[in-house]
Amino acid sequence: GTMTEADALHFCTVDYDDSFALVAEISTDGQRQIMAIARYY
């Protein structure tokens, strides 16, 4: 359903060791937007 800030914080918080995620960003009209995400746990 609709994503909340708590949902986002859960997925955006990693320790770069046991959990890691990469984002791909593209610039559109001067603003960067996420176009893809890869992660492992």
PDB file of all heavy atoms in Angstrom:
ATOM      1  N   GLY A   1       0.819  -1.206   0.000  1.00  0.00           N
ATOM      2  CA  GLY A   1       0.000   0.000   0.000  1.00  0.00           C
ATOM      3  C   GLY A   1       0.848   1.249   0.000  1.00  0.00           C
ATOM      4  O   GLY A   1       2.001   1.256  -0.449  1.00  0.00           O
ATOM      5  N   THR A   2       0.284   2.327   0.519  1.00  0.00           N
ATOM      6  CA  THR A   2       0.990   3.603   0.555  1.00  0.00           C
ATOM      7  C   THR A   2       2.202   3.507   1.469  1.00  0.00           C
ATOM      8  O   THR A   2       2.134   2.992   2.583  1.00  0.00           O
ATOM      9  CB  THR A   2       0.048   4.715   1.061  1.00  0.00           C
ATOM     10  OG1 THR A   2      -1.085   4.794   0.188  1.00  0.00           O
ATOM     11  CG2 THR A   2       0.772   6.056   1.078  1.00  0.00           C
ATOM     12  N   MET A   3       3.341   4.019   0.988  1.00  0.00           N
ATOM     13  CA  MET A   3       4.571   3.967   1.762  1.00  0.00           C
ATOM     14  C   MET A   3       4.615   5.091   2.794  1.00  0.00           C
ATOM     15  O   MET A   3       4.213   6.223   2.519  1.00  0.00           O
ATOM     16  CB  MET A   3       5.781   4.088   0.837  1.00  0.00           C
ATOM     17  CG  MET A   3       5.831   3.026  -0.233  1.00  0.00           C
ATOM     18  SD  MET A   3       5.914   1.361   0.476  1.00  0.00           S
ATOM     19  CE  MET A   3       5.588   0.372  -0.977  1.00  0.00           C
ATOM     20  N   THR A   4       5.111   4.778   3.976  1.00  0.00           N
ATOM     21  CA  THR A   4       5.260   5.767   5.039  1.00  0.00           C
ATOM     22  C   THR A   4       6.732   6.075   5.249  1.00  0.00           C
ATOM     23  O   THR A   4       7.622   5.402   4.722  1.00  0.00           O
ATOM     24  CB  THR A   4       4.674   5.249   6.358  1.00  0.00           C
ATOM     25  OG1 THR A   4       5.497   4.166   6.833  1.00  0.00           O
ATOM     26  CG2 THR A   4       3.245   4.755   6.173  1.00  0.00           C
ATOM     27  N   GLU A   5       6.984   7.100   6.053  1.00  0.00           N
ATOM     28  CA  GLU A   5       8.366   7.450   6.371  1.00  0.00           C
ATOM     29  C   GLU A   5       9.046   6.316   7.132  1.00  0.00           C
ATOM     30  O   GLU A   5      10.244   6.071   6.953  1.00  0.00           O
ATOM     31  CB  GLU A   5       8.411   8.738   7.193  1.00  0.00           C
ATOM     32  CG  GLU A   5       9.830   9.236   7.438  1.00  0.00           C
ATOM     33  CD  GLU A   5       9.865  10.551   8.189  1.00  0.00           C
ATOM     34  OE1 GLU A   5       8.784  11.101   8.469  1.00  0.00           O
ATOM     35  OE2 GLU A   5      10.968  11.025   8.495  1.00  0.00           O
ATOM     36  N   ALA A   6       8.284   5.612   7.973  1.00  0.00           N
ATOM     37  CA  ALA A   6       8.862   4.480   8.703  1.00  0.00           C
ATOM     38  C   ALA A   6       9.283   3.372   7.741  1.00  0.00           C
ATOM     39  O   ALA A   6      10.338   2.755   7.917  1.00  0.00           O
ATOM     40  CB  ALA A   6       7.858   3.945   9.724  1.00  0.00           C
ATOM     41  N   ASP A   7       8.450   3.094   6.733  1.00  0.00           N
ATOM     42  CA  ASP A   7       8.814   2.115   5.724  1.00  0.00           C
ATOM     43  C   ASP A   7      10.112   2.521   5.031  1.00  0.00           C
ATOM     44  O   ASP A   7      11.035   1.720   4.856  1.00  0.00           O
ATOM     45  CB  ASP A   7       7.719   1.998   4.657  1.00  0.00           C
ATOM     46  CG  ASP A   7       6.365   1.618   5.227  1.00  0.00           C
ATOM     47  OD1 ASP A   7       6.340   0.853   6.215  1.00  0.00           O
ATOM     48  OD2 ASP A   7       5.354   2.081   4.684  1.00  0.00           O
ATOM     49  N   ALA A   8      10.165   3.785   4.616  1.00  0.00           N
ATOM     50  CA  ALA A   8      11.330   4.281   3.889  1.00  0.00           C
ATOM     51  C   ALA A   8      12.594   4.203   4.746  1.00  0.00           C
ATOM     52  O   ALA A   8      13.654   3.800   4.266  1.00  0.00           O
ATOM     53  CB  ALA A   8      11.088   5.718   3.438  1.00  0.00           C
ATOM     54  N   LEU A   9      12.481   4.585   6.018  1.00  0.00           N
ATOM     55  CA  LEU A   9      13.647   4.547   6.897  1.00  0.00           C
ATOM     56  C   LEU A   9      14.139   3.124   7.073  1.00  0.00           C
ATOM     57  O   LEU A   9      15.350   2.863   7.121  1.00  0.00           O
ATOM     58  CB  LEU A   9      13.302   5.165   8.254  1.00  0.00           C
ATOM     59  CG  LEU A   9      14.472   5.341   9.223  1.00  0.00           C
ATOM     60  CD1 LEU A   9      15.532   6.259   8.632  1.00  0.00           C
ATOM     61  CD2 LEU A   9      13.989   5.884  10.559  1.00  0.00           C
ATOM     62  N   HIS A  10      13.215   2.174   7.144  1.00  0.00           N
ATOM     63  CA  HIS A  10      13.575   0.764   7.257  1.00  0.00           C
ATOM     64  C   HIS A  10      14.422   0.323   6.071  1.00  0.00           C
ATOM     65  O   HIS A  10      15.452  -0.337   6.227  1.00  0.00           O
ATOM     66  CB  HIS A  10      12.304  -0.074   7.354  1.00  0.00           C
ATOM     67  CG  HIS A  10      12.519  -1.546   7.228  1.00  0.00           C
ATOM     68  ND1 HIS A  10      13.237  -2.291   8.145  1.00  0.00           N
ATOM     69  CD2 HIS A  10      12.112  -2.427   6.281  1.00  0.00           C
ATOM     70  CE1 HIS A  10      13.260  -3.560   7.768  1.00  0.00           C
ATOM     71  NE2 HIS A  10      12.581  -3.666   6.627  1.00  0.00           N
ATOM     72  N   PHE A  11      14.011   0.710   4.873  1.00  0.00           N
ATOM     73  CA  PHE A  11      14.711   0.270   3.674  1.00  0.00           C
ATOM     74  C   PHE A  11      15.964   1.099   3.371  1.00  0.00           C
ATOM     75  O   PHE A  11      16.880   0.616   2.714  1.00  0.00           O
ATOM     76  CB  PHE A  11      13.769   0.307   2.474  1.00  0.00           C
ATOM     77  CG  PHE A  11      12.871  -0.893   2.381  1.00  0.00           C
ATOM     78  CD1 PHE A  11      11.604  -0.868   2.932  1.00  0.00           C
ATOM     79  CD2 PHE A  11      13.292  -2.052   1.767  1.00  0.00           C
ATOM     80  CE1 PHE A  11      10.768  -1.977   2.866  1.00  0.00           C
ATOM     81  CE2 PHE A  11      12.474  -3.166   1.694  1.00  0.00           C
ATOM     82  CZ  PHE A  11      11.206  -3.130   2.241  1.00  0.00           C
ATOM     83  N   CYS A  12      16.001   2.338   3.825  1.00  0.00           N
ATOM     84  CA  CYS A  12      17.141   3.209   3.527  1.00  0.00           C
ATOM     85  C   CYS A  12      18.252   3.111   4.562  1.00  0.00           C
ATOM     86  O   CYS A  12      19.327   3.689   4.372  1.00  0.00           O
ATOM     87  CB  CYS A  12      16.682   4.664   3.420  1.00  0.00           C
ATOM     88  SG  CYS A  12      15.609   4.999   2.002  1.00  0.00           S
ATOM     89  N   THR A  13      18.017   2.420   5.656  1.00  0.00           N
ATOM     90  CA  THR A  13      19.005   2.319   6.726  1.00  0.00           C
ATOM     91  C   THR A  13      19.776   1.013   6.597  1.00  0.00           C
ATOM     92  O   THR A  13      19.209  -0.068   6.717  1.00  0.00           O
ATOM     93  CB  THR A  13      18.323   2.377   8.106  1.00  0.00           C
ATOM     94  OG1 THR A  13      17.592   3.598   8.205  1.00  0.00           O
ATOM     95  CG2 THR A  13      19.360   2.319   9.217  1.00  0.00           C
ATOM     96  N   VAL A  14      21.062   1.116   6.319  1.00  0.00           N
ATOM     97  CA  VAL A  14      21.942  -0.046   6.185  1.00  0.00           C
ATOM     98  C   VAL A  14      23.229   0.231   6.936  1.00  0.00           C
ATOM     99  O   VAL A  14      23.548   1.379   7.259  1.00  0.00           O
ATOM    100  CB  VAL A  14      22.250  -0.354   4.697  1.00  0.00           C
ATOM    101  CG1 VAL A  14      20.980  -0.698   3.930  1.00  0.00           C
ATOM    102  CG2 VAL A  14      22.962   0.827   4.039  1.00  0.00           C
ATOM    103  N   ASP A  15      23.995  -0.832   7.203  1.00  0.00           N
ATOM    104  CA  ASP A  15      25.274  -0.631   7.887  1.00  0.00           C
ATOM    105  C   ASP A  15      26.470  -0.838   6.961  1.00  0.00           C
ATOM    106  O   ASP A  15      27.609  -0.802   7.407  1.00  0.00           O
ATOM    107  CB  ASP A  15      25.382  -1.543   9.115  1.00  0.00           C
ATOM    108  CG  ASP A  15      25.399  -3.032   8.756  1.00  0.00           C
ATOM    109  OD1 ASP A  15      25.329  -3.374   7.548  1.00  0.00           O
ATOM    110  OD2 ASP A  15      25.476  -3.856   9.683  1.00  0.00           O
ATOM    111  N   TYR A  16      26.204  -1.071   5.659  1.00  0.00           N
ATOM    112  CA  TYR A  16      27.234  -1.253   4.629  1.00  0.00           C
ATOM    113  C   TYR A  16      28.115  -2.468   4.890  1.00  0.00           C
ATOM    114  O   TYR A  16      29.226  -2.556   4.366  1.00  0.00           O
ATOM    115  CB  TYR A  16      28.100   0.003   4.484  1.00  0.00           C
ATOM    116  CG  TYR A  16      27.297   1.263   4.291  1.00  0.00           C
ATOM    117  CD1 TYR A  16      27.340   2.298   5.233  1.00  0.00           C
ATOM    118  CD2 TYR A  16      26.479   1.428   3.181  1.00  0.00           C
ATOM    119  CE1 TYR A  16      26.602   3.453   5.060  1.00  0.00           C
ATOM    120  CE2 TYR A  16      25.724   2.574   2.999  1.00  0.00           C
ATOM    121  CZ  TYR A  16      25.797   3.589   3.938  1.00  0.00           C
ATOM    122  OH  TYR A  16      25.051   4.725   3.770  1.00  0.00           O
ATOM    123  N   ASP A  17      27.612  -3.409   5.662  1.00  0.00           N
ATOM    124  CA  ASP A  17      28.336  -4.646   5.939  1.00  0.00           C
ATOM    125  C   ASP A  17      27.343  -5.800   5.904  1.00  0.00           C
ATOM    126  O   ASP A  17      27.247  -6.505   4.900  1.00  0.00           O
ATOM    127  CB  ASP A  17      29.031  -4.552   7.302  1.00  0.00           C
ATOM    128  CG  ASP A  17      29.799  -5.822   7.663  1.00  0.00           C
ATOM    129  OD1 ASP A  17      29.900  -6.736   6.819  1.00  0.00           O
ATOM    130  OD2 ASP A  17      30.303  -5.912   8.807  1.00  0.00           O
ATOM    131  N   ASP A  18      26.576  -5.969   6.964  1.00  0.00           N
ATOM    132  CA  ASP A  18      25.540  -7.000   6.974  1.00  0.00           C
ATOM    133  C   ASP A  18      24.360  -6.622   6.079  1.00  0.00           C
ATOM    134  O   ASP A  18      23.634  -7.499   5.603  1.00  0.00           O
ATOM    135  CB  ASP A  18      25.042  -7.230   8.403  1.00  0.00           C
ATOM    136  CG  ASP A  18      26.088  -7.921   9.263  1.00  0.00           C
ATOM    137  OD1 ASP A  18      27.039  -8.491   8.708  1.00  0.00           O
ATOM    138  OD2 ASP A  18      25.955  -7.868  10.499  1.00  0.00           O
ATOM    139  N   SER A  19      24.161  -5.349   5.882  1.00  0.00           N
ATOM    140  CA  SER A  19      23.136  -4.871   4.951  1.00  0.00           C
ATOM    141  C   SER A  19      23.741  -3.778   4.090  1.00  0.00           C
ATOM    142  O   SER A  19      24.538  -2.962   4.563  1.00  0.00           O
ATOM    143  CB  SER A  19      21.910  -4.345   5.707  1.00  0.00           C
ATOM    144  OG  SER A  19      22.278  -3.342   6.638  1.00  0.00           O
ATOM    145  N   PHE A  20      23.371  -3.792   2.827  1.00  0.00           N
ATOM    146  CA  PHE A  20      23.977  -2.857   1.871  1.00  0.00           C
ATOM    147  C   PHE A  20      22.967  -2.593   0.767  1.00  0.00           C
ATOM    148  O   PHE A  20      22.250  -3.495   0.344  1.00  0.00           O
ATOM    149  CB  PHE A  20      25.243  -3.464   1.265  1.00  0.00           C
ATOM    150  CG  PHE A  20      26.145  -2.484   0.564  1.00  0.00           C
ATOM    151  CD1 PHE A  20      27.304  -2.035   1.177  1.00  0.00           C
ATOM    152  CD2 PHE A  20      25.854  -2.015  -0.706  1.00  0.00           C
ATOM    153  CE1 PHE A  20      28.140  -1.125   0.539  1.00  0.00           C
ATOM    154  CE2 PHE A  20      26.673  -1.110  -1.348  1.00  0.00           C
ATOM    155  CZ  PHE A  20      27.823  -0.669  -0.730  1.00  0.00           C
ATOM    156  N   ALA A  21      22.908  -1.358   0.303  1.00  0.00           N
ATOM    157  CA  ALA A  21      22.015  -1.032  -0.814  1.00  0.00           C
ATOM    158  C   ALA A  21      22.652   0.029  -1.683  1.00  0.00           C
ATOM    159  O   ALA A  21      23.349   0.935  -1.198  1.00  0.00           O
ATOM    160  CB  ALA A  21      20.660  -0.554  -0.312  1.00  0.00           C
ATOM    161  N   LEU A  22      22.421  -0.101  -2.975  1.00  0.00           N
ATOM    162  CA  LEU A  22      22.862   0.884  -3.959  1.00  0.00           C
ATOM    163  C   LEU A  22      21.639   1.510  -4.604  1.00  0.00           C
ATOM    164  O   LEU A  22      20.638   0.831  -4.837  1.00  0.00           O
ATOM    165  CB  LEU A  22      23.702   0.219  -5.053  1.00  0.00           C
ATOM    166  CG  LEU A  22      25.045  -0.369  -4.656  1.00  0.00           C
ATOM    167  CD1 LEU A  22      25.579  -1.252  -5.784  1.00  0.00           C
ATOM    168  CD2 LEU A  22      26.050   0.738  -4.331  1.00  0.00           C
ATOM    169  N   VAL A  23      21.731   2.810  -4.907  1.00  0.00           N
ATOM    170  CA  VAL A  23      20.705   3.457  -5.701  1.00  0.00           C
ATOM    171  C   VAL A  23      21.331   3.939  -7.000  1.00  0.00           C
ATOM    172  O   VAL A  23      22.520   4.280  -7.044  1.00  0.00           O
ATOM    173  CB  VAL A  23      20.059   4.656  -4.963  1.00  0.00           C
ATOM    174  CG1 VAL A  23      19.386   4.191  -3.690  1.00  0.00           C
ATOM    175  CG2 VAL A  23      21.075   5.747  -4.666  1.00  0.00           C
ATOM    176  N   ALA A  24      20.539   3.945  -8.056  1.00  0.00           N
ATOM    177  CA  ALA A  24      20.910   4.588  -9.311  1.00  0.00           C
ATOM    178  C   ALA A  24      20.077   5.850  -9.415  1.00  0.00           C
ATOM    179  O   ALA A  24      18.849   5.799  -9.291  1.00  0.00           O
ATOM    180  CB  ALA A  24      20.656   3.661 -10.493  1.00  0.00           C
ATOM    181  N   GLU A  25      20.736   6.983  -9.610  1.00  0.00           N
ATOM    182  CA  GLU A  25      20.051   8.276  -9.678  1.00  0.00           C
ATOM    183  C   GLU A  25      20.265   8.903 -11.044  1.00  0.00           C
ATOM    184  O   GLU A  25      21.347   8.822 -11.615  1.00  0.00           O
ATOM    185  CB  GLU A  25      20.619   9.244  -8.641  1.00  0.00           C
ATOM    186  CG  GLU A  25      20.280   8.952  -7.204  1.00  0.00           C
ATOM    187  CD  GLU A  25      20.842  10.016  -6.284  1.00  0.00           C
ATOM    188  OE1 GLU A  25      21.928  10.559  -6.584  1.00  0.00           O
ATOM    189  OE2 GLU A  25      20.209  10.291  -5.266  1.00  0.00           O
ATOM    190  N   ILE A  26      19.247   9.554 -11.541  1.00  0.00           N
ATOM    191  CA  ILE A  26      19.353  10.301 -12.791  1.00  0.00           C
ATOM    192  C   ILE A  26      18.873  11.719 -12.536  1.00  0.00           C
ATOM    193  O   ILE A  26      17.974  11.953 -11.724  1.00  0.00           O
ATOM    194  CB  ILE A  26      18.541   9.623 -13.909  1.00  0.00           C
ATOM    195  CG1 ILE A  26      18.913  10.195 -15.266  1.00  0.00           C
ATOM    196  CG2 ILE A  26      17.039   9.716 -13.651  1.00  0.00           C
ATOM    197  CD1 ILE A  26      18.460   9.344 -16.436  1.00  0.00           C
ATOM    198  N   SER A  27      19.496  12.674 -13.208  1.00  0.00           N
ATOM    199  CA  SER A  27      19.135  14.075 -13.028  1.00  0.00           C
ATOM    200  C   SER A  27      18.048  14.453 -14.028  1.00  0.00           C
ATOM    201  O   SER A  27      18.214  14.268 -15.241  1.00  0.00           O
ATOM    202  CB  SER A  27      20.359  14.973 -13.226  1.00  0.00           C
ATOM    203  OG  SER A  27      20.025  16.328 -13.027  1.00  0.00           O
ATOM    204  N   THR A  28      16.931  14.969 -13.505  1.00  0.00           N
ATOM    205  CA  THR A  28      15.815  15.405 -14.335  1.00  0.00           C
ATOM    206  C   THR A  28      15.440  16.818 -13.936  1.00  0.00           C
ATOM    207  O   THR A  28      15.077  17.060 -12.792  1.00  0.00           O
ATOM    208  CB  THR A  28      14.594  14.475 -14.163  1.00  0.00           C
ATOM    209  OG1 THR A  28      14.984  13.125 -14.467  1.00  0.00           O
ATOM    210  CG2 THR A  28      13.468  14.890 -15.082  1.00  0.00           C
ATOM    211  N   ASP A  29      15.568  17.742 -14.869  1.00  0.00           N
ATOM    212  CA  ASP A  29      15.266  19.156 -14.599  1.00  0.00           C
ATOM    213  C   ASP A  29      16.047  19.668 -13.391  1.00  0.00           C
ATOM    214  O   ASP A  29      15.520  20.408 -12.546  1.00  0.00           O
ATOM    215  CB  ASP A  29      13.761  19.351 -14.369  1.00  0.00           C
ATOM    216  CG  ASP A  29      12.944  19.003 -15.610  1.00  0.00           C
ATOM    217  OD1 ASP A  29      13.447  19.212 -16.721  1.00  0.00           O
ATOM    218  OD2 ASP A  29      11.808  18.516 -15.446  1.00  0.00           O
ATOM    219  N   GLY A  30      17.305  19.236 -13.290  1.00  0.00           N
ATOM    220  CA  GLY A  30      18.170  19.704 -12.218  1.00  0.00           C
ATOM    221  C   GLY A  30      17.989  19.000 -10.895  1.00  0.00           C
ATOM    222  O   GLY A  30      18.689  19.320  -9.934  1.00  0.00           O
ATOM    223  N   GLN A  31      17.071  18.045 -10.824  1.00  0.00           N
ATOM    224  CA  GLN A  31      16.841  17.310  -9.587  1.00  0.00           C
ATOM    225  C   GLN A  31      17.130  15.832  -9.811  1.00  0.00           C
ATOM    226  O   GLN A  31      16.750  15.265 -10.831  1.00  0.00           O
ATOM    227  CB  GLN A  31      15.405  17.490  -9.102  1.00  0.00           C
ATOM    228  CG  GLN A  31      15.079  18.905  -8.685  1.00  0.00           C
ATOM    229  CD  GLN A  31      13.704  19.010  -8.057  1.00  0.00           C
ATOM    230  OE1 GLN A  31      12.878  18.104  -8.183  1.00  0.00           O
ATOM    231  NE2 GLN A  31      13.448  20.107  -7.358  1.00  0.00           N
ATOM    232  N   ARG A  32      17.816  15.219  -8.838  1.00  0.00           N
ATOM    233  CA  ARG A  32      18.142  13.807  -8.958  1.00  0.00           C
ATOM    234  C   ARG A  32      16.975  12.956  -8.484  1.00  0.00           C
ATOM    235  O   ARG A  32      16.374  13.229  -7.447  1.00  0.00           O
ATOM    236  CB  ARG A  32      19.414  13.468  -8.164  1.00  0.00           C
ATOM    237  CG  ARG A  32      20.673  14.005  -8.821  1.00  0.00           C
ATOM    238  CD  ARG A  32      21.927  13.325  -8.287  1.00  0.00           C
ATOM    239  NE  ARG A  32      23.106  13.679  -9.054  1.00  0.00           N
ATOM    240  CZ  ARG A  32      23.499  13.042 -10.163  1.00  0.00           C
ATOM    241  NH1 ARG A  32      22.796  12.036 -10.613  1.00  0.00           N
ATOM    242  NH2 ARG A  32      24.583  13.410 -10.803  1.00  0.00           N
ATOM    243  N   GLN A  33      16.677  11.920  -9.252  1.00  0.00           N
ATOM    244  CA  GLN A  33      15.595  11.003  -8.918  1.00  0.00           C
ATOM    245  C   GLN A  33      16.126   9.582  -8.939  1.00  0.00           C
ATOM    246  O   GLN A  33      16.929   9.218  -9.804  1.00  0.00           O
ATOM    247  CB  GLN A  33      14.450  11.135  -9.927  1.00  0.00           C
ATOM    248  CG  GLN A  33      13.805  12.500  -9.944  1.00  0.00           C
ATOM    249  CD  GLN A  33      12.698  12.589 -10.989  1.00  0.00           C
ATOM    250  OE1 GLN A  33      12.658  11.807 -11.933  1.00  0.00           O
ATOM    251  NE2 GLN A  33      11.786  13.527 -10.803  1.00  0.00           N
ATOM    252  N   ILE A  34      15.681   8.770  -7.982  1.00  0.00           N
ATOM    253  CA  ILE A  34      16.091   7.370  -7.953  1.00  0.00           C
ATOM    254  C   ILE A  34      15.402   6.632  -9.096  1.00  0.00           C
ATOM    255  O   ILE A  34      14.198   6.759  -9.299  1.00  0.00           O
ATOM    256  CB  ILE A  34      15.733   6.724  -6.601  1.00  0.00           C
ATOM    257  CG1 ILE A  34      16.545   7.373  -5.479  1.00  0.00           C
ATOM    258  CG2 ILE A  34      15.974   5.219  -6.636  1.00  0.00           C
ATOM    259  CD1 ILE A  34      16.194   6.863  -4.084  1.00  0.00           C
ATOM    260  N   MET A  35      16.187   5.866  -9.847  1.00  0.00           N
ATOM    261  CA  MET A  35      15.647   5.086 -10.959  1.00  0.00           C
ATOM    262  C   MET A  35      15.762   3.587 -10.726  1.00  0.00           C
ATOM    263  O   MET A  35      15.135   2.799 -11.445  1.00  0.00           O
ATOM    264  CB  MET A  35      16.372   5.456 -12.260  1.00  0.00           C
ATOM    265  CG  MET A  35      17.877   5.278 -12.174  1.00  0.00           C
ATOM    266  SD  MET A  35      18.795   6.035 -13.537  1.00  0.00           S
ATOM    267  CE  MET A  35      18.524   4.838 -14.824  1.00  0.00           C
ATOM    268  N   ALA A  36      16.547   3.175  -9.723  1.00  0.00           N
ATOM    269  CA  ALA A  36      16.699   1.747  -9.422  1.00  0.00           C
ATOM    270  C   ALA A  36      17.376   1.593  -8.065  1.00  0.00           C
ATOM    271  O   ALA A  36      18.099   2.485  -7.606  1.00  0.00           O
ATOM    272  CB  ALA A  36      17.526   1.045 -10.494  1.00  0.00           C
ATOM    273  N   ILE A  37      17.129   0.451  -7.434  1.00  0.00           N
ATOM    274  CA  ILE A  37      17.739   0.126  -6.142  1.00  0.00           C
ATOM    275  C   ILE A  37      18.128  -1.350  -6.145  1.00  0.00           C
ATOM    276  O   ILE A  37      17.360  -2.201  -6.595  1.00  0.00           O
ATOM    277  CB  ILE A  37      16.784   0.403  -4.963  1.00  0.00           C
ATOM    278  CG1 ILE A  37      16.368   1.874  -4.930  1.00  0.00           C
ATOM    279  CG2 ILE A  37      17.430   0.009  -3.634  1.00  0.00           C
ATOM    280  CD1 ILE A  37      15.337   2.193  -3.856  1.00  0.00           C
ATOM    281  N   ALA A  38      19.320  -1.642  -5.639  1.00  0.00           N
ATOM    282  CA  ALA A  38      19.761  -3.029  -5.432  1.00  0.00           C
ATOM    283  C   ALA A  38      20.229  -3.157  -3.993  1.00  0.00           C
ATOM    284  O   ALA A  38      20.858  -2.238  -3.459  1.00  0.00           O
ATOM    285  CB  ALA A  38      20.895  -3.385  -6.396  1.00  0.00           C
ATOM    286  N   ARG A  39      19.931  -4.279  -3.366  1.00  0.00           N
ATOM    287  CA  ARG A  39      20.330  -4.445  -1.971  1.00  0.00           C
ATOM    288  C   ARG A  39      20.633  -5.895  -1.659  1.00  0.00           C
ATOM    289  O   ARG A  39      20.186  -6.813  -2.353  1.00  0.00           O
ATOM    290  CB  ARG A  39      19.261  -3.932  -1.011  1.00  0.00           C
ATOM    291  CG  ARG A  39      17.975  -4.748  -0.978  1.00  0.00           C
ATOM    292  CD  ARG A  39      17.025  -4.221   0.096  1.00  0.00           C
ATOM    293  NE  ARG A  39      16.624  -2.851  -0.163  1.00  0.00           N
ATOM    294  CZ  ARG A  39      16.975  -1.812   0.612  1.00  0.00           C
ATOM    295  NH1 ARG A  39      17.693  -1.994   1.702  1.00  0.00           N
ATOM    296  NH2 ARG A  39      16.574  -0.596   0.315  1.00  0.00           N
ATOM    297  N   TYR A  40      21.425  -6.073  -0.592  1.00  0.00           N
ATOM    298  CA  TYR A  40      21.601  -7.412  -0.038  1.00  0.00           C
ATOM    299  C   TYR A  40      21.456  -7.349   1.461  1.00  0.00           C
ATOM    300  O   TYR A  40      21.592  -6.284   2.077  1.00  0.00           O
ATOM    301  CB  TYR A  40      22.940  -8.047  -0.445  1.00  0.00           C
ATOM    302  CG  TYR A  40      24.180  -7.542   0.277  1.00  0.00           C
ATOM    303  CD1 TYR A  40      24.413  -7.804   1.631  1.00  0.00           C
ATOM    304  CD2 TYR A  40      25.160  -6.831  -0.405  1.00  0.00           C
ATOM    305  CE1 TYR A  40      25.550  -7.358   2.284  1.00  0.00           C
ATOM    306  CE2 TYR A  40      26.308  -6.387   0.237  1.00  0.00           C
ATOM    307  CZ  TYR A  40      26.499  -6.653   1.592  1.00  0.00           C
ATOM    308  OH  TYR A  40      27.630  -6.201   2.234  1.00  0.00           O
ATOM    309  N   TYR A  41      21.181  -8.494   2.068  1.00  0.00           N
ATOM    310  CA  TYR A  41      21.095  -8.626   3.518  1.00  0.00           C
ATOM    311  C   TYR A  41      21.756  -9.947   3.886  1.00  0.00           C
ATOM    312  O   TYR A  41      21.363 -11.003   3.408  1.00  0.00           O
ATOM    313  CB  TYR A  41      19.634  -8.602   3.988  1.00  0.00           C
ATOM    314  CG  TYR A  41      19.484  -8.484   5.479  1.00  0.00           C
ATOM    315  CD1 TYR A  41      19.346  -7.243   6.090  1.00  0.00           C
ATOM    316  CD2 TYR A  41      19.498  -9.613   6.284  1.00  0.00           C
ATOM    317  CE1 TYR A  41      19.213  -7.137   7.464  1.00  0.00           C
ATOM    318  CE2 TYR A  41      19.366  -9.509   7.662  1.00  0.00           C
ATOM    319  CZ  TYR A  41      19.228  -8.265   8.242  1.00  0.00           C
ATOM    320  OH  TYR A  41      19.110  -8.174   9.605  1.00  0.00           O
TER     321      TYR A  41
END
